[in-house]
Amino acid sequence: MHPTAPSATAASRKRAVNLTLSEGLVAQAKTYTSNLSATMEELLAAYVAQQQQTRLTRQRQADACAADWNAVHAAVGSFADEHSTL
């Protein structure tokens, strides 16, 4: 989980929010859980963690690409160096 992200623990401060959900879906979900709020919080926490991991992975890939390109540039120079008009 991201170090600055609030953790989804029982000790976390809670507040009421409004959600618009399909009646049928809510009715079905209530057959599987007695605490819909806790279930939604757990699912939302998992979603946020997955999104943070995806962002971190993309950033690492971009950093690796930039490092590789910088290594190529350091080794062989820039294509544009041969075409300078100055």
Protein backbone atom coordinates (compact mmCIF):
# COMPACT_ATOMS: atom_id res chain seq x y z
CA MET A 1 0.00 0.00 0.00
CA HIS A 2 1.20 3.54 -0.67
CA PRO A 3 2.90 5.07 2.39
CA THR A 4 0.71 8.19 2.38
CA ALA A 5 -2.55 6.35 1.77
CA PRO A 6 -4.85 5.87 4.75
CA SER A 7 -5.04 2.25 5.78
CA ALA A 8 -8.39 0.51 5.92
CA THR A 9 -8.24 -0.81 9.45
CA ALA A 10 -10.85 -1.09 12.16
CA ALA A 11 -9.12 1.81 13.94
CA SER A 12 -9.61 4.10 10.92
CA ARG A 13 -11.98 7.00 11.30
CA LYS A 14 -15.28 6.31 9.55
CA ARG A 15 -17.73 8.68 7.93
CA ALA A 16 -21.01 8.21 6.16
CA VAL A 17 -21.05 8.59 2.38
CA ASN A 18 -23.79 8.36 -0.18
CA LEU A 19 -23.56 5.69 -2.85
CA THR A 20 -25.96 4.92 -5.64
CA LEU A 21 -26.11 1.17 -6.16
CA SER A 22 -28.43 -1.10 -8.07
CA GLU A 23 -31.27 -2.33 -5.83
CA GLY A 24 -31.01 -5.83 -7.21
CA LEU A 25 -27.28 -6.00 -6.64
CA VAL A 26 -27.64 -4.74 -3.07
CA ALA A 27 -30.35 -7.34 -2.39
CA GLN A 28 -28.14 -10.09 -3.75
CA ALA A 29 -25.11 -8.87 -1.79
CA LYS A 30 -27.11 -8.86 1.45
CA THR A 31 -27.65 -12.60 1.04
CA TYR A 32 -23.87 -13.03 1.30
CA THR A 33 -22.97 -10.48 3.98
CA SER A 34 -24.56 -9.15 7.13
CA ASN A 35 -22.38 -6.01 7.00
CA LEU A 36 -22.58 -4.43 3.56
CA SER A 37 -20.54 -1.40 4.65
CA ALA A 38 -17.63 -3.54 5.82
CA THR A 39 -17.79 -5.61 2.65
CA MET A 40 -17.78 -2.51 0.45
CA GLU A 41 -14.88 -1.03 2.43
CA GLU A 42 -12.88 -4.23 2.04
CA LEU A 43 -13.54 -4.33 -1.71
CA LEU A 44 -12.73 -0.64 -2.11
CA ALA A 45 -9.49 -1.03 -0.14
CA ALA A 46 -8.47 -3.92 -2.43
CA TYR A 47 -9.32 -1.81 -5.50
CA VAL A 48 -7.27 1.15 -4.25
CA ALA A 49 -4.30 -1.11 -3.43
CA GLN A 50 -4.48 -2.66 -6.91
CA GLN A 51 -4.61 0.76 -8.57
CA GLN A 52 -1.63 1.95 -6.52
CA GLN A 53 0.34 -1.16 -7.49
CA THR A 54 -0.55 -0.62 -11.15
CA ARG A 55 0.62 2.99 -10.98
CA LEU A 56 3.86 1.96 -9.25
CA THR A 57 4.51 -0.73 -11.88
CA ARG A 58 3.96 1.76 -14.72
CA GLN A 59 6.29 4.27 -13.07
CA ARG A 60 8.98 1.62 -12.65
CA GLN A 61 8.62 0.64 -16.32
CA ALA A 62 8.89 4.28 -17.40
CA ASP A 63 11.95 4.78 -15.19
CA ALA A 64 13.59 1.66 -16.66
CA CYS A 65 12.82 2.85 -20.20
CA ALA A 66 14.32 6.26 -19.49
CA ALA A 67 17.42 4.68 -17.93
CA ASP A 68 17.86 2.40 -20.96
CA TRP A 69 17.45 5.31 -23.36
CA ASN A 70 19.93 7.41 -21.36
CA ALA A 71 22.43 4.52 -21.51
CA VAL A 72 22.04 4.29 -25.30
CA HIS A 73 22.44 8.05 -25.60
CA ALA A 74 25.58 7.98 -23.44
CA ALA A 75 27.05 5.13 -25.51
CA VAL A 76 26.28 6.28 -29.06
CA GLY A 77 25.04 9.85 -28.78
CA SER A 78 21.96 11.32 -30.33
CA PHE A 79 20.75 10.84 -33.89
CA ALA A 80 20.09 14.58 -33.99
CA ASP A 81 23.74 15.40 -33.25
CA GLU A 82 24.60 14.67 -36.89
CA HIS A 83 21.93 17.03 -38.17
CA SER A 84 22.56 20.17 -36.16
CA THR A 85 22.10 23.42 -38.11
CA LEU A 86 24.27 25.40 -35.69
